[in-house]
Amino acid sequence: MNKNTTSNYRQFIKSYWEYYLELEDEFLDTKRFVEFDRSNAKSYSIEYLKLYQAVCSEIDVVGKEIAVAVNPLFKIDKYTDIKKWGYEVQQQFPTLKETVVIFNDMDSVQPFKDWEYEKYTTVDKNGKKRTGLRIKDKKETITWWRNYNEIKHRRIGLVEGTKNFQLANQRNLIQALSALFIL
């Protein structure tokens, strides 16, 4: 390893890996209250909510960093979302969606299954071409990420009567933590 690579590696450990380990430890501590078991998949709590938001936020941060690392022309701005960085990451790591994590020696988790973006082009009424990104084959956003956004933007939905708080459950948190581990 050259000096620059060693420095980058140390910075990665300090900035990202240690934080991941802290989030993982906090999640493992929740086993004292709710057993890690498929029958508890829909169990939800304030602790899961806090961790779910922290984990998914970190996924967004790490995803953007990876996109810049694999494509030096990639620019992060206030409009950089999971589609933009996800497309870049998938170009470099096309088998990401097939990656499996074994959680607690009992559960195979494939958090990026069916997650693939594609570029597309449309022509507006003035004949101008516009390109964008969308989920390939008109599938939906991966469930745990969509649920995270439902919680982030409409946790209780007083007007609509939704109960998105319940989406901060053990299963979604396991999926998200597995995704962060992979990244």
N, C-alpha and C. Protein backbone atom coordinates (compact mmCIF):
# COMPACT_ATOMS: atom_id res chain seq x y z
N MET A 1 0.84 -1.18 0.00
CA MET A 1 0.00 0.00 0.00
C MET A 1 0.88 1.24 0.00
N ASN A 2 0.57 2.18 -0.87
CA ASN A 2 1.34 3.42 -0.84
C ASN A 2 0.83 4.33 0.26
N LYS A 3 1.57 5.39 0.50
CA LYS A 3 1.24 6.29 1.62
C LYS A 3 -0.16 6.90 1.49
N ASN A 4 -0.55 7.31 0.27
CA ASN A 4 -1.87 7.91 0.04
C ASN A 4 -2.99 6.89 0.29
N THR A 5 -2.78 5.64 -0.17
CA THR A 5 -3.77 4.59 0.04
C THR A 5 -3.93 4.30 1.53
N THR A 6 -2.81 4.24 2.24
CA THR A 6 -2.85 4.00 3.68
C THR A 6 -3.60 5.11 4.40
N SER A 7 -3.35 6.34 4.00
CA SER A 7 -4.03 7.48 4.60
C SER A 7 -5.54 7.42 4.33
N ASN A 8 -5.91 7.10 3.09
CA ASN A 8 -7.33 6.98 2.74
C ASN A 8 -7.99 5.86 3.53
N TYR A 9 -7.29 4.76 3.68
CA TYR A 9 -7.81 3.62 4.43
C TYR A 9 -8.06 4.02 5.89
N ARG A 10 -7.11 4.68 6.49
CA ARG A 10 -7.26 5.12 7.88
C ARG A 10 -8.43 6.10 8.03
N GLN A 11 -8.56 6.99 7.05
CA GLN A 11 -9.67 7.95 7.08
C GLN A 11 -11.00 7.24 6.96
N PHE A 12 -11.07 6.22 6.09
CA PHE A 12 -12.29 5.43 5.95
C PHE A 12 -12.64 4.76 7.28
N ILE A 13 -11.66 4.12 7.91
CA ILE A 13 -11.90 3.44 9.19
C ILE A 13 -12.43 4.43 10.22
N LYS A 14 -11.79 5.58 10.31
CA LYS A 14 -12.18 6.58 11.32
C LYS A 14 -13.56 7.16 11.02
N SER A 15 -13.81 7.47 9.77
CA SER A 15 -15.04 8.18 9.42
C SER A 15 -16.26 7.29 9.23
N TYR A 16 -16.07 6.09 8.73
CA TYR A 16 -17.23 5.27 8.36
C TYR A 16 -17.31 3.94 9.10
N TRP A 17 -16.25 3.17 9.10
CA TRP A 17 -16.32 1.83 9.67
C TRP A 17 -16.59 1.88 11.18
N GLU A 18 -15.93 2.74 11.90
CA GLU A 18 -16.16 2.84 13.34
C GLU A 18 -17.60 3.24 13.64
N TYR A 19 -18.16 4.11 12.82
CA TYR A 19 -19.56 4.50 13.02
C TYR A 19 -20.49 3.33 12.72
N TYR A 20 -20.19 2.59 11.65
CA TYR A 20 -20.98 1.40 11.35
C TYR A 20 -20.98 0.46 12.55
N LEU A 21 -19.80 0.19 13.10
CA LEU A 21 -19.69 -0.72 14.24
C LEU A 21 -20.49 -0.21 15.44
N GLU A 22 -20.51 1.08 15.66
CA GLU A 22 -21.30 1.66 16.75
C GLU A 22 -22.79 1.43 16.51
N LEU A 23 -23.25 1.66 15.29
CA LEU A 23 -24.66 1.42 14.96
C LEU A 23 -25.02 -0.06 15.12
N GLU A 24 -24.13 -0.91 14.67
CA GLU A 24 -24.37 -2.35 14.80
C GLU A 24 -24.45 -2.75 16.28
N ASP A 25 -23.53 -2.24 17.10
CA ASP A 25 -23.56 -2.54 18.53
C ASP A 25 -24.86 -2.08 19.18
N GLU A 26 -25.31 -0.90 18.81
CA GLU A 26 -26.57 -0.40 19.37
C GLU A 26 -27.74 -1.30 18.98
N PHE A 27 -27.72 -1.76 17.74
CA PHE A 27 -28.78 -2.67 17.30
C PHE A 27 -28.70 -4.00 18.06
N LEU A 28 -27.51 -4.55 18.18
CA LEU A 28 -27.35 -5.82 18.90
C LEU A 28 -27.81 -5.71 20.35
N ASP A 29 -27.64 -4.53 20.95
CA ASP A 29 -28.12 -4.31 22.32
C ASP A 29 -29.64 -4.42 22.44
N THR A 30 -30.37 -4.18 21.34
CA THR A 30 -31.83 -4.25 21.41
C THR A 30 -32.32 -5.68 21.61
N LYS A 31 -31.45 -6.66 21.40
CA LYS A 31 -31.85 -8.06 21.60
C LYS A 31 -32.24 -8.33 23.05
N ARG A 32 -31.77 -7.49 23.95
CA ARG A 32 -32.16 -7.66 25.36
C ARG A 32 -33.66 -7.47 25.54
N PHE A 33 -34.29 -6.76 24.62
CA PHE A 33 -35.71 -6.44 24.74
C PHE A 33 -36.59 -7.18 23.74
N VAL A 34 -36.05 -7.38 22.53
CA VAL A 34 -36.81 -8.08 21.48
C VAL A 34 -35.86 -9.06 20.80
N GLU A 35 -36.17 -10.33 20.91
CA GLU A 35 -35.34 -11.38 20.33
C GLU A 35 -35.27 -11.23 18.81
N PHE A 36 -34.10 -11.51 18.25
CA PHE A 36 -33.95 -11.52 16.80
C PHE A 36 -34.56 -12.81 16.27
N ASP A 37 -35.74 -12.67 15.73
CA ASP A 37 -36.49 -13.83 15.26
C ASP A 37 -37.49 -13.36 14.21
N ARG A 38 -37.74 -14.21 13.24
CA ARG A 38 -38.69 -13.85 12.18
C ARG A 38 -40.06 -13.47 12.74
N SER A 39 -40.44 -14.08 13.85
CA SER A 39 -41.76 -13.77 14.43
C SER A 39 -41.81 -12.35 15.00
N ASN A 40 -40.66 -11.73 15.19
CA ASN A 40 -40.60 -10.36 15.69
C ASN A 40 -40.29 -9.34 14.58
N ALA A 41 -40.37 -9.75 13.35
CA ALA A 41 -40.00 -8.90 12.22
C ALA A 41 -40.73 -7.56 12.21
N LYS A 42 -41.98 -7.56 12.62
CA LYS A 42 -42.77 -6.33 12.59
C LYS A 42 -42.76 -5.57 13.92
N SER A 43 -41.96 -6.02 14.86
CA SER A 43 -41.83 -5.30 16.14
C SER A 43 -41.19 -3.95 15.87
N TYR A 44 -41.76 -2.91 16.46
CA TYR A 44 -41.24 -1.56 16.23
C TYR A 44 -41.08 -0.84 17.56
N SER A 45 -40.24 0.18 17.55
CA SER A 45 -39.98 0.91 18.79
C SER A 45 -39.30 2.24 18.48
N ILE A 46 -39.22 3.06 19.48
CA ILE A 46 -38.49 4.33 19.37
C ILE A 46 -37.01 4.05 19.08
N GLU A 47 -36.46 3.05 19.74
CA GLU A 47 -35.05 2.70 19.52
C GLU A 47 -34.82 2.27 18.08
N TYR A 48 -35.70 1.44 17.54
CA TYR A 48 -35.58 1.04 16.14
C TYR A 48 -35.72 2.26 15.22
N LEU A 49 -36.62 3.15 15.55
CA LEU A 49 -36.80 4.37 14.75
C LEU A 49 -35.51 5.18 14.71
N LYS A 50 -34.93 5.41 15.86
CA LYS A 50 -33.68 6.18 15.94
C LYS A 50 -32.57 5.51 15.12
N LEU A 51 -32.41 4.21 15.29
CA LEU A 51 -31.36 3.49 14.58
C LEU A 51 -31.63 3.41 13.07
N TYR A 52 -32.87 3.19 12.72
CA TYR A 52 -33.25 3.08 11.30
C TYR A 52 -32.92 4.38 10.57
N GLN A 53 -33.26 5.50 11.18
CA GLN A 53 -32.96 6.78 10.55
C GLN A 53 -31.45 7.02 10.46
N ALA A 54 -30.73 6.66 11.50
CA ALA A 54 -29.28 6.85 11.49
C ALA A 54 -28.62 5.95 10.45
N VAL A 55 -29.04 4.70 10.38
CA VAL A 55 -28.46 3.75 9.43
C VAL A 55 -28.74 4.18 7.99
N CYS A 56 -29.98 4.53 7.69
CA CYS A 56 -30.32 4.92 6.32
C CYS A 56 -29.65 6.23 5.92
N SER A 57 -29.52 7.14 6.85
CA SER A 57 -28.79 8.37 6.57
C SER A 57 -27.34 8.06 6.24
N GLU A 58 -26.75 7.15 6.98
CA GLU A 58 -25.36 6.76 6.72
C GLU A 58 -25.23 6.03 5.38
N ILE A 59 -26.23 5.26 5.00
CA ILE A 59 -26.22 4.62 3.68
C ILE A 59 -26.13 5.68 2.60
N ASP A 60 -26.90 6.75 2.75
CA ASP A 60 -26.88 7.84 1.78
C ASP A 60 -25.49 8.50 1.73
N VAL A 61 -24.90 8.73 2.88
CA VAL A 61 -23.57 9.35 2.96
C VAL A 61 -22.52 8.44 2.31
N VAL A 62 -22.50 7.18 2.69
CA VAL A 62 -21.50 6.25 2.17
C VAL A 62 -21.72 6.01 0.68
N GLY A 63 -22.97 5.88 0.27
CA GLY A 63 -23.26 5.69 -1.15
C GLY A 63 -22.72 6.82 -2.01
N LYS A 64 -22.87 8.04 -1.55
CA LYS A 64 -22.33 9.19 -2.28
C LYS A 64 -20.82 9.16 -2.34
N GLU A 65 -20.18 8.79 -1.24
CA GLU A 65 -18.72 8.70 -1.22
C GLU A 65 -18.22 7.63 -2.18
N ILE A 66 -18.91 6.50 -2.23
CA ILE A 66 -18.52 5.43 -3.15
C ILE A 66 -18.69 5.90 -4.59
N ALA A 67 -19.78 6.61 -4.88
CA ALA A 67 -20.02 7.11 -6.24
C ALA A 67 -18.89 8.02 -6.69
N VAL A 68 -18.42 8.87 -5.81
CA VAL A 68 -17.30 9.76 -6.15
C VAL A 68 -16.02 8.95 -6.34
N ALA A 69 -15.82 7.93 -5.49
CA ALA A 69 -14.61 7.11 -5.58
C ALA A 69 -14.55 6.32 -6.88
N VAL A 70 -15.70 5.83 -7.36
CA VAL A 70 -15.69 5.01 -8.58
C VAL A 70 -15.82 5.84 -9.85
N ASN A 71 -16.29 7.08 -9.71
CA ASN A 71 -16.41 7.98 -10.86
C ASN A 71 -16.00 9.38 -10.44
N PRO A 72 -14.74 9.74 -10.67
CA PRO A 72 -14.26 11.06 -10.26
C PRO A 72 -15.05 12.23 -10.86
N LEU A 73 -15.81 11.99 -11.92
CA LEU A 73 -16.62 13.05 -12.53
C LEU A 73 -17.96 13.23 -11.82
N PHE A 74 -18.31 12.30 -10.95
CA PHE A 74 -19.58 12.37 -10.22
C PHE A 74 -19.52 13.53 -9.23
N LYS A 75 -20.53 14.35 -9.26
CA LYS A 75 -20.60 15.52 -8.38
C LYS A 75 -21.78 15.38 -7.42
N ILE A 76 -21.51 15.65 -6.16
CA ILE A 76 -22.56 15.63 -5.14
C ILE A 76 -23.10 17.05 -4.99
N ASP A 77 -24.42 17.17 -5.07
CA ASP A 77 -25.06 18.46 -4.82
C ASP A 77 -26.34 18.20 -4.01
N LYS A 78 -27.12 19.22 -3.79
CA LYS A 78 -28.32 19.05 -2.96
C LYS A 78 -29.38 18.16 -3.63
N TYR A 79 -29.22 17.87 -4.91
CA TYR A 79 -30.17 17.02 -5.63
C TYR A 79 -29.69 15.58 -5.77
N THR A 80 -28.53 15.28 -5.20
CA THR A 80 -27.98 13.93 -5.30
C THR A 80 -28.77 13.01 -4.39
N ASP A 81 -29.47 12.07 -5.01
CA ASP A 81 -30.29 11.14 -4.25
C ASP A 81 -29.85 9.71 -4.52
N ILE A 82 -30.58 8.77 -3.99
CA ILE A 82 -30.22 7.36 -4.12
C ILE A 82 -30.18 6.91 -5.58
N LYS A 83 -31.02 7.49 -6.42
CA LYS A 83 -30.97 7.13 -7.84
C LYS A 83 -29.63 7.50 -8.44
N LYS A 84 -29.19 8.73 -8.17
CA LYS A 84 -27.94 9.20 -8.77
C LYS A 84 -26.73 8.44 -8.27
N TRP A 85 -26.58 8.36 -6.94
CA TRP A 85 -25.40 7.65 -6.47
C TRP A 85 -25.55 6.15 -6.67
N GLY A 86 -26.77 5.64 -6.57
CA GLY A 86 -27.00 4.21 -6.77
C GLY A 86 -26.64 3.77 -8.18
N TYR A 87 -26.96 4.58 -9.16
CA TYR A 87 -26.61 4.24 -10.54
C TYR A 87 -25.10 4.12 -10.69
N GLU A 88 -24.36 5.06 -10.14
CA GLU A 88 -22.90 5.03 -10.23
C GLU A 88 -22.33 3.80 -9.53
N VAL A 89 -22.83 3.51 -8.36
CA VAL A 89 -22.35 2.36 -7.60
C VAL A 89 -22.65 1.07 -8.38
N GLN A 90 -23.84 0.98 -8.95
CA GLN A 90 -24.22 -0.23 -9.68
C GLN A 90 -23.41 -0.42 -10.95
N GLN A 91 -22.97 0.67 -11.56
CA GLN A 91 -22.14 0.55 -12.76
C GLN A 91 -20.81 -0.13 -12.41
N GLN A 92 -20.28 0.20 -11.25
CA GLN A 92 -19.00 -0.36 -10.81
C GLN A 92 -19.16 -1.75 -10.18
N PHE A 93 -20.28 -1.97 -9.51
CA PHE A 93 -20.51 -3.22 -8.78
C PHE A 93 -21.85 -3.84 -9.23
N PRO A 94 -21.88 -4.39 -10.44
CA PRO A 94 -23.16 -4.89 -10.99
C PRO A 94 -23.77 -6.07 -10.22
N THR A 95 -22.99 -6.76 -9.43
CA THR A 95 -23.53 -7.90 -8.67
C THR A 95 -23.98 -7.50 -7.27
N LEU A 96 -23.99 -6.21 -6.97
CA LEU A 96 -24.41 -5.73 -5.66
C LEU A 96 -25.78 -6.27 -5.28
N LYS A 97 -26.69 -6.30 -6.22
CA LYS A 97 -28.06 -6.76 -5.94
C LYS A 97 -28.12 -8.23 -5.57
N GLU A 98 -27.07 -8.99 -5.87
CA GLU A 98 -27.03 -10.41 -5.56
C GLU A 98 -26.33 -10.71 -4.24
N THR A 99 -25.74 -9.70 -3.62
CA THR A 99 -24.97 -9.90 -2.40
C THR A 99 -25.88 -10.25 -1.22
N VAL A 100 -25.48 -11.26 -0.49
CA VAL A 100 -26.26 -11.78 0.63
C VAL A 100 -25.48 -11.58 1.93
N VAL A 101 -26.19 -11.20 2.98
CA VAL A 101 -25.63 -11.10 4.32
C VAL A 101 -26.35 -12.13 5.17
N ILE A 102 -25.60 -12.87 5.96
CA ILE A 102 -26.22 -13.80 6.90
C ILE A 102 -26.31 -13.07 8.24
N PHE A 103 -27.52 -12.85 8.69
CA PHE A 103 -27.74 -12.13 9.94
C PHE A 103 -27.99 -13.11 11.07
N ASN A 104 -27.21 -12.98 12.13
CA ASN A 104 -27.43 -13.73 13.37
C ASN A 104 -27.48 -15.25 13.13
N ASP A 105 -26.71 -15.73 12.17
CA ASP A 105 -26.65 -17.16 11.83
C ASP A 105 -28.01 -17.77 11.51
N MET A 106 -28.98 -16.95 11.15
CA MET A 106 -30.32 -17.53 10.94
C MET A 106 -31.02 -17.00 9.70
N ASP A 107 -30.66 -15.83 9.26
CA ASP A 107 -31.46 -15.18 8.23
C ASP A 107 -30.57 -14.70 7.10
N SER A 108 -30.88 -15.11 5.89
CA SER A 108 -30.20 -14.59 4.71
C SER A 108 -30.89 -13.30 4.29
N VAL A 109 -30.12 -12.24 4.19
CA VAL A 109 -30.67 -10.93 3.85
C VAL A 109 -30.03 -10.48 2.54
N GLN A 110 -30.85 -10.06 1.61
CA GLN A 110 -30.39 -9.58 0.31
C GLN A 110 -30.98 -8.18 0.11
N PRO A 111 -30.40 -7.17 0.78
CA PRO A 111 -31.03 -5.85 0.84
C PRO A 111 -31.13 -5.11 -0.49
N PHE A 112 -30.27 -5.43 -1.45
CA PHE A 112 -30.31 -4.73 -2.73
C PHE A 112 -30.95 -5.55 -3.85
N LYS A 113 -31.65 -6.62 -3.48
CA LYS A 113 -32.31 -7.46 -4.48
C LYS A 113 -33.28 -6.60 -5.29
N ASP A 114 -33.28 -6.82 -6.59
CA ASP A 114 -34.16 -6.09 -7.52
C ASP A 114 -33.88 -4.59 -7.57
N TRP A 115 -32.73 -4.15 -7.10
CA TRP A 115 -32.39 -2.73 -7.09
C TRP A 115 -31.45 -2.45 -8.24
N GLU A 116 -31.99 -1.85 -9.30
CA GLU A 116 -31.16 -1.55 -10.46
C GLU A 116 -31.75 -0.34 -11.18
N TYR A 117 -30.89 0.64 -11.41
CA TYR A 117 -31.32 1.84 -12.11
C TYR A 117 -30.84 1.80 -13.55
N GLU A 118 -31.56 2.51 -14.40
CA GLU A 118 -31.18 2.64 -15.80
C GLU A 118 -31.36 4.08 -16.24
N LYS A 119 -30.58 4.47 -17.23
CA LYS A 119 -30.75 5.79 -17.83
C LYS A 119 -31.84 5.68 -18.88
N TYR A 120 -32.57 6.77 -19.03
CA TYR A 120 -33.58 6.82 -20.08
C TYR A 120 -33.59 8.24 -20.67
N THR A 121 -34.13 8.34 -21.86
CA THR A 121 -34.19 9.63 -22.55
C THR A 121 -35.63 9.89 -22.97
N THR A 122 -36.07 11.13 -22.77
CA THR A 122 -37.38 11.55 -23.25
C THR A 122 -37.16 12.79 -24.11
N VAL A 123 -38.16 13.09 -24.91
CA VAL A 123 -38.12 14.29 -25.74
C VAL A 123 -39.32 15.14 -25.35
N ASP A 124 -39.06 16.40 -24.96
CA ASP A 124 -40.16 17.27 -24.56
C ASP A 124 -40.87 17.83 -25.79
N LYS A 125 -41.91 18.62 -25.55
CA LYS A 125 -42.73 19.14 -26.66
C LYS A 125 -41.97 20.07 -27.58
N ASN A 126 -40.82 20.59 -27.12
CA ASN A 126 -39.97 21.46 -27.96
C ASN A 126 -38.89 20.67 -28.69
N GLY A 127 -38.92 19.35 -28.54
CA GLY A 127 -37.94 18.51 -29.20
C GLY A 127 -36.61 18.39 -28.46
N LYS A 128 -36.55 18.91 -27.25
CA LYS A 128 -35.32 18.83 -26.48
C LYS A 128 -35.25 17.50 -25.74
N LYS A 129 -34.08 16.83 -25.87
CA LYS A 129 -33.89 15.55 -25.20
C LYS A 129 -33.48 15.78 -23.75
N ARG A 130 -34.08 14.97 -22.90
CA ARG A 130 -33.73 15.00 -21.48
C ARG A 130 -33.45 13.57 -21.04
N THR A 131 -32.39 13.43 -20.25
CA THR A 131 -32.08 12.11 -19.72
C THR A 131 -32.36 12.09 -18.22
N GLY A 132 -32.66 10.93 -17.75
CA GLY A 132 -32.92 10.76 -16.33
C GLY A 132 -32.59 9.35 -15.90
N LEU A 133 -32.86 9.06 -14.66
CA LEU A 133 -32.64 7.73 -14.10
C LEU A 133 -33.96 7.21 -13.54
N ARG A 134 -34.15 5.93 -13.67
CA ARG A 134 -35.34 5.30 -13.11
C ARG A 134 -34.98 3.86 -12.73
N ILE A 135 -35.85 3.27 -11.95
CA ILE A 135 -35.65 1.88 -11.57
C ILE A 135 -35.94 1.03 -12.80
N LYS A 136 -35.04 0.13 -13.08
CA LYS A 136 -35.15 -0.72 -14.26
C LYS A 136 -36.39 -1.60 -14.21
N ASP A 137 -36.97 -1.84 -15.36
CA ASP A 137 -38.13 -2.72 -15.52
C ASP A 137 -39.34 -2.26 -14.73
N LYS A 138 -39.43 -0.97 -14.44
CA LYS A 138 -40.56 -0.36 -13.75
C LYS A 138 -40.88 -1.02 -12.41
N LYS A 139 -39.84 -1.52 -11.74
CA LYS A 139 -40.03 -2.07 -10.40
C LYS A 139 -40.13 -0.92 -9.43
N GLU A 140 -40.35 -1.24 -8.17
CA GLU A 140 -40.46 -0.21 -7.15
C GLU A 140 -39.13 -0.04 -6.42
N THR A 141 -39.01 1.06 -5.72
CA THR A 141 -37.85 1.29 -4.86
C THR A 141 -37.79 0.16 -3.84
N ILE A 142 -36.59 -0.23 -3.46
CA ILE A 142 -36.47 -1.31 -2.48
C ILE A 142 -37.26 -0.94 -1.23
N THR A 143 -37.96 -1.93 -0.71
CA THR A 143 -38.94 -1.71 0.35
C THR A 143 -38.38 -0.99 1.56
N TRP A 144 -37.26 -1.44 2.08
CA TRP A 144 -36.73 -0.84 3.30
C TRP A 144 -36.35 0.63 3.09
N TRP A 145 -35.90 1.00 1.88
CA TRP A 145 -35.57 2.41 1.61
C TRP A 145 -36.84 3.24 1.47
N ARG A 146 -37.83 2.70 0.79
CA ARG A 146 -39.11 3.39 0.65
C ARG A 146 -39.74 3.61 2.02
N ASN A 147 -39.69 2.58 2.88
CA ASN A 147 -40.24 2.71 4.23
C ASN A 147 -39.48 3.74 5.05
N TYR A 148 -38.19 3.79 4.90
CA TYR A 148 -37.38 4.82 5.58
C TYR A 148 -37.86 6.22 5.18
N ASN A 149 -38.10 6.42 3.91
CA ASN A 149 -38.57 7.73 3.45
C ASN A 149 -39.97 8.04 3.94
N GLU A 150 -40.82 7.03 4.04
CA GLU A 150 -42.16 7.24 4.60
C GLU A 150 -42.05 7.72 6.05
N ILE A 151 -41.16 7.11 6.80
CA ILE A 151 -40.97 7.51 8.20
C ILE A 151 -40.35 8.91 8.27
N LYS A 152 -39.36 9.13 7.46
CA LYS A 152 -38.64 10.41 7.49
C LYS A 152 -39.57 11.59 7.15
N HIS A 153 -40.44 11.40 6.18
CA HIS A 153 -41.27 12.51 5.71
C HIS A 153 -42.68 12.54 6.32
N ARG A 154 -43.19 11.39 6.73
CA ARG A 154 -44.55 11.32 7.27
C ARG A 154 -44.62 10.25 8.35
N ARG A 155 -43.98 10.52 9.46
CA ARG A 155 -43.89 9.51 10.51
C ARG A 155 -45.25 9.11 11.06
N ILE A 156 -46.09 10.10 11.38
CA ILE A 156 -47.38 9.76 11.96
C ILE A 156 -48.56 10.12 11.07
N GLY A 157 -48.38 10.99 10.13
CA GLY A 157 -49.44 11.31 9.20
C GLY A 157 -50.74 11.72 9.86
N LEU A 158 -50.70 12.75 10.67
CA LEU A 158 -51.90 13.17 11.40
C LEU A 158 -53.07 13.45 10.47
N VAL A 159 -52.80 14.03 9.32
CA VAL A 159 -53.87 14.38 8.38
C VAL A 159 -54.38 13.14 7.65
N GLU A 160 -53.44 12.34 7.13
CA GLU A 160 -53.85 11.18 6.34
C GLU A 160 -54.24 9.99 7.19
N GLY A 161 -53.86 9.97 8.45
CA GLY A 161 -54.16 8.85 9.32
C GLY A 161 -53.22 7.66 9.15
N THR A 162 -52.07 7.88 8.50
CA THR A 162 -51.12 6.78 8.32
C THR A 162 -50.34 6.54 9.61
N LYS A 163 -49.81 5.36 9.71
CA LYS A 163 -49.03 5.00 10.89
C LYS A 163 -47.66 4.50 10.44
N ASN A 164 -46.91 5.37 9.81
CA ASN A 164 -45.61 4.98 9.29
C ASN A 164 -44.59 4.67 10.38
N PHE A 165 -44.83 5.14 11.58
CA PHE A 165 -43.94 4.84 12.70
C PHE A 165 -43.72 3.33 12.82
N GLN A 166 -44.73 2.55 12.51
CA GLN A 166 -44.64 1.10 12.61
C GLN A 166 -43.68 0.49 11.60
N LEU A 167 -43.30 1.28 10.61
CA LEU A 167 -42.33 0.80 9.62
C LEU A 167 -40.91 0.77 10.17
N ALA A 168 -40.70 1.41 11.32
CA ALA A 168 -39.39 1.37 11.98
C ALA A 168 -39.33 0.06 12.77
N ASN A 169 -39.34 -1.03 12.03
CA ASN A 169 -39.42 -2.35 12.67
C ASN A 169 -38.11 -3.12 12.52
N GLN A 170 -38.08 -4.25 13.20
CA GLN A 170 -36.86 -5.04 13.23
C GLN A 170 -36.43 -5.49 11.83
N ARG A 171 -37.36 -5.93 11.02
CA ARG A 171 -37.01 -6.42 9.69
C ARG A 171 -36.41 -5.32 8.81
N ASN A 172 -37.03 -4.16 8.79
CA ASN A 172 -36.48 -3.06 7.98
C ASN A 172 -35.11 -2.63 8.49
N LEU A 173 -34.93 -2.64 9.78
CA LEU A 173 -33.64 -2.26 10.35
C LEU A 173 -32.57 -3.29 10.01
N ILE A 174 -32.91 -4.56 10.04
CA ILE A 174 -31.95 -5.61 9.65
C ILE A 174 -31.57 -5.44 8.18
N GLN A 175 -32.57 -5.17 7.34
CA GLN A 175 -32.29 -4.95 5.91
C GLN A 175 -31.36 -3.75 5.71
N ALA A 176 -31.66 -2.65 6.37
CA ALA A 176 -30.86 -1.43 6.21
C ALA A 176 -29.45 -1.62 6.76
N LEU A 177 -29.32 -2.22 7.91
CA LEU A 177 -28.00 -2.44 8.49
C LEU A 177 -27.18 -3.39 7.60
N SER A 178 -27.83 -4.38 7.01
CA SER A 178 -27.15 -5.27 6.08
C SER A 178 -26.68 -4.51 4.84
N ALA A 179 -27.50 -3.60 4.36
CA ALA A 179 -27.12 -2.78 3.20
C ALA A 179 -25.91 -1.91 3.53
N LEU A 180 -25.93 -1.30 4.70
CA LEU A 180 -24.79 -0.47 5.11
C LEU A 180 -23.53 -1.32 5.25
N PHE A 181 -23.66 -2.51 5.80
CA PHE A 181 -22.52 -3.42 5.92
C PHE A 181 -21.92 -3.71 4.54
N ILE A 182 -22.77 -4.00 3.57
CA ILE A 182 -22.31 -4.29 2.21
C ILE A 182 -21.58 -3.09 1.62
N LEU A 183 -22.18 -1.91 1.78
CA LEU A 183 -21.53 -0.72 1.23
C LEU A 183 -20.20 -0.45 1.92
